[in-house]
Amino acid sequence: MKKLMLLSLLLIAGVSVAELTLERPKEQKSASILIDGVAAYVNSEFITISDVMNEVRRSPYAQKGKLGEKRLRQLYAATLNALIDRKLILAYAQKVKAELQPWAIDARIREIIATSFDGDETKLQAVLADRKMSYEEWRARIKEDLTIQAMRHENVEKIADPTPSEVRAEYDANKTRYQTEHAVAVSMIILDPPASETNKTVKARADEIFEALNHKKSFAELAKVYSCDGKAASGGSWGKVNPDDVFREEISDALQKLAPGEVSDLLILDDYGYIVKKDEQQDSRILTFEEAVPYVQGHLRMQATERLYKEWTDRLRADSYVRIVELPGGKN
């Protein structure tokens, strides 16, 4: 019953139960009843359930169409808190009389049109029309986004830079966190199954390749002739990769047994033949302090930003009236 109550409440803003739950029903027996309600009060304003769900449904998880109730509640709560923070920060900006110049908003709009709409404003207008949003409403949203960025920079990011002593202490305490990646330069010849019985088998072609290699023929030249994949034109080169991230386990295992410059035996996987060459190997190593500094700074800056942002928004909440309205069936 609690689950049904939750899902009924979330039938808003064009989001159906089928979009957000585990299975899409095969047929719709009756039209969904759209209802709404207050999700939270923030000072003299409020956030509706539809405000929250309009944001939730943009989540990649929601767009996959497979969300259980637990994950849905988590996304709802996180999104609601983000919307509360947004209202509090905008209220703070108004309190400190922070004001953006119109030219800054116009510059940002030009940047968005150039990067997201190929410089064509008519494409933007088409998207806005599809979302039933006026240009003025969208521009106001851009202004709010820029205001929040400016307030966040001033109150969080500007003071999040670590000191040299903090960088040194972090590196000395966690050197193994700052390592180069294991990487292998790989070339490969992939042999497809014969199209008919009259064509040469995978093994027959592999034997020709090994014979040519024994006669000092270049692996890259042989890949251009024999390999059936898109990397044949570049001599079968895959560049530097982490084999475990890119290849099947059998290929990774074969590479592990090779020394740089060596070529594997023929591997048959799903009727395809694979001949693998380890061109070069780069083992992971701990970075020196000088090499690690930018990575240490980035790690500490990220930690400090998260902490300072929470402390700042906690102070804003403490100085404001915030009340979250619980959804049926449990706390948000």
Protein backbone atom coordinates (compact mmCIF):
# COMPACT_ATOMS: atom_id res chain seq x y z
CA MET A 1 0.00 0.00 0.00
CA LYS A 2 2.84 2.42 0.89
CA LYS A 3 4.53 1.77 -2.43
CA LEU A 4 1.31 2.44 -4.31
CA MET A 5 0.85 5.70 -2.42
CA LEU A 6 4.37 6.83 -3.35
CA LEU A 7 3.99 5.92 -7.00
CA SER A 8 0.61 7.66 -7.15
CA LEU A 9 2.20 10.84 -5.84
CA LEU A 10 4.88 10.64 -8.51
CA LEU A 11 2.43 10.60 -11.39
CA ILE A 12 3.23 14.19 -12.16
CA ALA A 13 4.98 16.38 -14.71
CA GLY A 14 4.47 13.83 -17.45
CA VAL A 15 6.34 11.12 -15.54
CA SER A 16 4.46 7.86 -15.46
CA VAL A 17 4.92 4.86 -13.20
CA ALA A 18 6.10 2.93 -16.25
CA GLU A 19 8.98 5.38 -16.77
CA LEU A 20 10.29 5.14 -13.24
CA THR A 21 9.53 1.63 -12.01
CA LEU A 22 11.04 -1.67 -12.95
CA GLU A 23 8.66 -2.72 -15.70
CA ARG A 24 6.69 -0.94 -18.39
CA PRO A 25 3.07 -2.15 -18.44
CA LYS A 26 1.98 -3.78 -21.67
CA GLU A 27 -1.24 -1.79 -21.82
CA GLN A 28 -2.72 1.22 -20.10
CA LYS A 29 -6.14 0.31 -18.77
CA SER A 30 -7.01 3.81 -17.59
CA ALA A 31 -5.53 7.28 -17.83
CA SER A 32 -3.16 8.29 -15.01
CA ILE A 33 -4.49 10.85 -12.58
CA LEU A 34 -1.97 13.67 -12.27
CA ILE A 35 -1.63 15.03 -8.77
CA ASP A 36 0.84 17.36 -7.12
CA GLY A 37 1.74 18.71 -3.74
CA VAL A 38 4.29 20.67 -1.73
CA ALA A 39 7.67 18.95 -1.37
CA ALA A 40 9.31 21.59 0.82
CA TYR A 41 8.86 25.11 2.18
CA VAL A 42 11.87 27.44 1.90
CA ASN A 43 11.33 30.76 3.66
CA SER A 44 8.31 32.32 1.94
CA GLU A 45 8.56 30.06 -1.11
CA PHE A 46 7.83 26.39 -1.73
CA ILE A 47 9.00 23.58 -3.99
CA THR A 48 6.42 21.23 -5.47
CA ILE A 49 6.68 17.51 -6.06
CA SER A 50 6.46 18.23 -9.78
CA ASP A 51 9.45 20.60 -9.51
CA VAL A 52 11.46 17.75 -8.01
CA MET A 53 10.27 15.11 -10.44
CA ASN A 54 10.90 17.32 -13.47
CA GLU A 55 14.55 17.22 -12.40
CA VAL A 56 14.54 13.54 -11.38
CA ARG A 57 13.27 12.39 -14.74
CA ARG A 58 16.30 14.00 -16.42
CA SER A 59 18.52 11.60 -14.49
CA PRO A 60 20.22 8.93 -16.65
CA TYR A 61 18.84 6.33 -14.21
CA ALA A 62 15.27 7.51 -14.76
CA GLN A 63 15.75 7.66 -18.52
CA LYS A 64 16.71 3.99 -18.55
CA GLY A 65 13.18 3.25 -17.37
CA LYS A 66 14.31 0.94 -14.57
CA LEU A 67 14.05 2.38 -11.11
CA GLY A 68 13.04 0.53 -7.99
CA GLU A 69 11.27 2.37 -5.19
CA LYS A 70 14.42 2.57 -3.03
CA ARG A 71 16.51 4.19 -5.79
CA LEU A 72 13.62 6.46 -6.74
CA ARG A 73 13.34 7.71 -3.15
CA GLN A 74 17.11 8.33 -3.06
CA LEU A 75 17.03 10.35 -6.29
CA TYR A 76 13.97 12.28 -5.09
CA ALA A 77 15.62 13.19 -1.76
CA ALA A 78 18.93 14.23 -3.36
CA THR A 79 17.17 16.30 -6.00
CA LEU A 80 14.91 17.99 -3.46
CA ASN A 81 17.89 18.96 -1.30
CA ALA A 82 19.68 20.38 -4.34
CA LEU A 83 16.62 22.49 -5.17
CA ILE A 84 16.45 23.72 -1.57
CA ASP A 85 20.13 24.71 -1.72
CA ARG A 86 19.43 26.53 -4.98
CA LYS A 87 16.68 28.65 -3.42
CA LEU A 88 18.80 29.38 -0.34
CA ILE A 89 21.80 30.49 -2.40
CA LEU A 90 19.65 32.76 -4.58
CA ALA A 91 18.14 34.26 -1.42
CA TYR A 92 21.64 34.80 -0.03
CA ALA A 93 22.71 36.51 -3.27
CA GLN A 94 19.75 38.86 -2.97
CA LYS A 95 20.62 39.53 0.69
CA VAL A 96 24.21 40.52 -0.11
CA LYS A 97 22.97 42.50 -3.14
CA ALA A 98 24.98 40.46 -5.64
CA GLU A 99 23.98 41.50 -9.14
CA LEU A 100 25.14 40.22 -12.51
CA GLN A 101 25.75 42.60 -15.36
CA PRO A 102 23.50 41.97 -18.40
CA TRP A 103 26.57 41.56 -20.63
CA ALA A 104 27.71 38.56 -18.57
CA ILE A 105 24.35 36.84 -19.09
CA ASP A 106 24.39 37.67 -22.81
CA ALA A 107 27.93 36.27 -23.13
CA ARG A 108 26.89 33.02 -21.48
CA ILE A 109 23.86 32.72 -23.76
CA ARG A 110 26.04 33.24 -26.84
CA GLU A 111 28.38 30.54 -25.54
CA ILE A 112 25.50 28.09 -25.05
CA ILE A 113 24.09 28.77 -28.51
CA ALA A 114 27.55 28.32 -30.07
CA THR A 115 28.43 25.09 -28.27
CA SER A 116 25.04 23.38 -27.89
CA PHE A 117 23.06 24.65 -30.87
CA ASP A 118 25.75 25.00 -33.56
CA GLY A 119 25.43 28.78 -33.38
CA ASP A 120 21.83 28.58 -34.60
CA GLU A 121 19.40 30.43 -32.34
CA THR A 122 16.42 28.90 -34.16
CA LYS A 123 17.44 25.50 -32.78
CA LEU A 124 17.34 26.94 -29.27
CA GLN A 125 13.91 28.42 -29.92
CA ALA A 126 12.67 25.03 -31.15
CA VAL A 127 13.88 23.33 -27.94
CA LEU A 128 12.27 26.01 -25.78
CA ALA A 129 9.00 25.65 -27.68
CA ASP A 130 9.10 21.88 -27.15
CA ARG A 131 9.58 22.47 -23.41
CA LYS A 132 6.84 25.13 -23.38
CA MET A 133 9.31 27.67 -21.99
CA SER A 134 9.64 31.26 -23.16
CA TYR A 135 13.01 32.78 -24.02
CA GLU A 136 12.61 35.20 -21.10
CA GLU A 137 12.04 32.32 -18.67
CA TRP A 138 15.10 30.51 -20.02
CA ARG A 139 17.22 33.66 -19.78
CA ALA A 140 16.12 34.12 -16.17
CA ARG A 141 17.20 30.54 -15.48
CA ILE A 142 20.63 31.25 -17.00
CA LYS A 143 20.91 34.32 -14.79
CA GLU A 144 20.11 32.22 -11.72
CA ASP A 145 22.69 29.60 -12.72
CA LEU A 146 25.39 32.25 -13.13
CA THR A 147 24.45 33.85 -9.81
CA ILE A 148 24.76 30.51 -8.03
CA GLN A 149 28.13 29.87 -9.68
CA ALA A 150 29.38 33.29 -8.56
CA MET A 151 28.17 32.77 -4.97
CA ARG A 152 29.66 29.27 -4.85
CA HIS A 153 32.99 30.59 -6.13
CA GLU A 154 33.04 33.39 -3.58
CA ASN A 155 32.02 31.29 -0.57
CA VAL A 156 33.52 27.89 -1.40
CA GLU A 157 35.88 27.49 -4.32
CA LYS A 158 37.96 30.62 -3.69
CA ILE A 159 38.92 29.35 -0.23
CA ALA A 160 39.28 25.66 -1.11
CA ASP A 161 42.89 25.78 -2.36
CA PRO A 162 45.21 23.71 -0.13
CA THR A 163 48.35 25.18 1.38
CA PRO A 164 51.81 23.84 0.39
CA SER A 165 52.14 22.14 3.79
CA GLU A 166 48.77 20.39 3.32
CA VAL A 167 49.87 19.15 -0.10
CA ARG A 168 53.13 17.79 1.33
CA ALA A 169 51.37 16.09 4.24
CA GLU A 170 48.81 14.44 1.97
CA TYR A 171 51.49 13.12 -0.38
CA ASP A 172 53.68 11.76 2.43
CA ALA A 173 50.71 10.02 4.05
CA ASN A 174 49.21 8.56 0.84
CA LYS A 175 51.95 8.09 -1.75
CA THR A 176 50.37 4.96 -3.18
CA ARG A 177 47.31 7.02 -4.14
CA TYR A 178 49.43 8.89 -6.67
CA GLN A 179 50.71 6.41 -9.23
CA THR A 180 51.04 6.21 -12.98
CA GLU A 181 48.64 3.83 -14.66
CA HIS A 182 49.66 0.40 -15.86
CA ALA A 183 49.63 0.59 -19.66
CA VAL A 184 50.58 -1.69 -22.52
CA ALA A 185 51.12 -0.70 -26.13
CA VAL A 186 49.36 -3.41 -28.12
CA SER A 187 49.13 -4.44 -31.77
CA MET A 188 46.75 -7.14 -32.93
CA ILE A 189 45.85 -9.13 -36.02
CA ILE A 190 42.27 -10.36 -36.03
CA LEU A 191 41.34 -13.14 -38.47
CA ASP A 192 37.70 -13.64 -39.35
CA PRO A 193 36.19 -17.10 -39.98
CA PRO A 194 36.32 -18.26 -43.63
CA ALA A 195 33.32 -17.18 -45.70
CA SER A 196 33.16 -20.61 -47.36
CA GLU A 197 34.92 -23.96 -47.35
CA THR A 198 37.09 -22.84 -50.27
CA ASN A 199 38.60 -19.97 -48.25
CA LYS A 200 41.64 -20.42 -46.07
CA THR A 201 40.95 -21.35 -42.46
CA VAL A 202 41.92 -19.11 -39.58
CA LYS A 203 44.76 -21.48 -38.68
CA ALA A 204 46.07 -21.60 -42.25
CA ARG A 205 46.26 -17.80 -42.43
CA ALA A 206 47.84 -17.68 -38.97
CA ASP A 207 50.51 -20.14 -40.09
CA GLU A 208 51.31 -17.85 -43.03
CA ILE A 209 51.63 -14.90 -40.65
CA PHE A 210 53.95 -16.74 -38.26
CA GLU A 211 56.06 -17.92 -41.19
CA ALA A 212 56.35 -14.32 -42.44
CA LEU A 213 57.26 -13.11 -38.93
CA ASN A 214 60.00 -15.73 -38.76
CA HIS A 215 61.36 -14.20 -41.95
CA LYS A 216 61.46 -10.77 -40.27
CA LYS A 217 58.32 -9.44 -41.95
CA SER A 218 56.86 -6.48 -40.06
CA PHE A 219 53.88 -7.25 -37.79
CA ALA A 220 52.33 -3.93 -38.84
CA GLU A 221 52.58 -4.75 -42.54
CA LEU A 222 51.06 -8.19 -41.96
CA ALA A 223 48.21 -6.62 -39.98
CA LYS A 224 47.43 -4.36 -42.97
CA VAL A 225 47.17 -7.41 -45.20
CA TYR A 226 45.47 -9.96 -42.96
CA SER A 227 43.59 -8.23 -40.13
CA CYS A 228 39.83 -7.83 -40.53
CA ASP A 229 39.25 -5.04 -38.00
CA GLY A 230 39.22 -1.25 -38.37
CA LYS A 231 42.73 -0.90 -36.94
CA ALA A 232 44.34 -2.84 -39.80
CA ALA A 233 45.13 0.38 -41.69
CA SER A 234 47.24 1.57 -38.74
CA GLY A 235 49.18 -1.69 -38.58
CA GLY A 236 46.85 -3.24 -35.99
CA SER A 237 47.95 -0.74 -33.34
CA TRP A 238 45.64 -0.16 -30.35
CA GLY A 239 47.99 2.33 -28.77
CA LYS A 240 48.62 2.28 -25.02
CA VAL A 241 45.78 0.70 -23.08
CA ASN A 242 45.06 -1.06 -19.83
CA PRO A 243 44.39 -4.56 -21.22
CA ASP A 244 41.99 -5.47 -18.42
CA ASP A 245 39.80 -2.50 -19.34
CA VAL A 246 39.79 -3.13 -23.08
CA PHE A 247 40.22 -6.80 -23.95
CA ARG A 248 38.68 -10.13 -23.11
CA GLU A 249 40.28 -12.04 -20.27
CA GLU A 250 41.94 -14.53 -22.63
CA ILE A 251 43.69 -11.74 -24.54
CA SER A 252 44.74 -9.95 -21.35
CA ASP A 253 46.19 -13.20 -20.01
CA ALA A 254 48.13 -13.76 -23.23
CA LEU A 255 49.54 -10.23 -23.10
CA GLN A 256 50.61 -10.67 -19.50
CA LYS A 257 52.82 -13.60 -20.48
CA LEU A 258 54.61 -11.65 -23.22
CA ALA A 259 57.74 -9.56 -22.93
CA PRO A 260 57.85 -6.31 -24.93
CA GLY A 261 58.37 -7.13 -28.60
CA GLU A 262 56.98 -10.68 -28.32
CA VAL A 263 54.01 -12.09 -30.23
CA SER A 264 51.43 -14.50 -28.84
CA ASP A 265 50.37 -17.85 -30.24
CA LEU A 266 47.11 -17.96 -32.16
CA LEU A 267 44.04 -17.53 -29.93
CA ILE A 268 40.71 -18.80 -31.21
CA LEU A 269 37.76 -17.01 -29.61
CA ASP A 270 34.24 -17.42 -31.02
CA ASP A 271 35.70 -18.71 -34.30
CA TYR A 272 37.85 -15.59 -34.76
CA GLY A 273 41.63 -15.77 -34.58
CA TYR A 274 43.73 -13.32 -32.56
CA ILE A 275 47.48 -12.80 -32.79
CA VAL A 276 48.65 -10.25 -30.23
CA LYS A 277 51.91 -8.34 -29.98
CA LYS A 278 53.10 -6.48 -26.89
CA ASP A 279 54.87 -3.45 -28.32
CA GLU A 280 55.73 -1.76 -25.04
CA GLN A 281 54.91 -2.04 -21.37
CA GLN A 282 54.59 0.75 -18.85
CA ASP A 283 54.35 -0.52 -15.29
CA SER A 284 52.70 1.63 -12.68
CA ARG A 285 55.01 3.53 -10.35
CA ILE A 286 54.60 6.01 -7.53
CA LEU A 287 54.91 9.59 -8.75
CA THR A 288 57.59 11.81 -7.30
CA PHE A 289 56.33 14.68 -5.16
CA GLU A 290 56.96 17.16 -7.97
CA GLU A 291 55.00 15.02 -10.44
CA ALA A 292 52.18 14.40 -7.97
CA VAL A 293 51.61 18.01 -6.86
CA PRO A 294 48.78 18.86 -9.33
CA TYR A 295 46.98 15.59 -8.55
CA VAL A 296 47.36 16.07 -4.79
CA GLN A 297 46.08 19.63 -5.11
CA GLY A 298 43.09 18.43 -7.13
CA HIS A 299 42.26 15.72 -4.59
CA LEU A 300 42.51 18.09 -1.62
CA ARG A 301 40.59 20.82 -3.46
CA MET A 302 37.74 18.41 -4.20
CA GLN A 303 37.59 17.29 -0.56
CA ALA A 304 37.69 20.88 0.70
CA THR A 305 35.03 21.99 -1.79
CA GLU A 306 32.62 19.29 -0.65
CA ARG A 307 33.22 20.11 3.02
CA LEU A 308 33.03 23.89 2.61
CA TYR A 309 29.90 23.69 0.45
CA LYS A 310 28.12 21.58 3.07
CA GLU A 311 29.21 23.90 5.88
CA TRP A 312 28.03 26.93 3.91
CA THR A 313 24.63 25.49 2.96
CA ASP A 314 24.17 24.20 6.53
CA ARG A 315 24.65 27.80 7.74
CA LEU A 316 22.17 29.06 5.15
CA ARG A 317 19.63 26.48 6.32
CA ALA A 318 20.20 27.37 9.96
CA ASP A 319 19.43 31.03 9.16
CA SER A 320 16.34 30.18 7.11
CA TYR A 321 13.00 28.46 7.42
CA VAL A 322 13.15 25.07 5.70
CA ARG A 323 10.57 22.34 6.11
CA ILE A 324 10.55 19.18 4.02
CA VAL A 325 7.20 17.49 3.54
CA GLU A 326 7.53 13.75 3.90
CA LEU A 327 6.36 11.46 1.13
CA PRO A 328 4.05 8.66 2.26
CA GLY A 329 5.71 5.44 3.28
CA GLY A 330 8.89 6.75 4.85
CA LYS A 331 11.24 9.68 5.23
CA ASN A 332 12.62 11.43 2.14
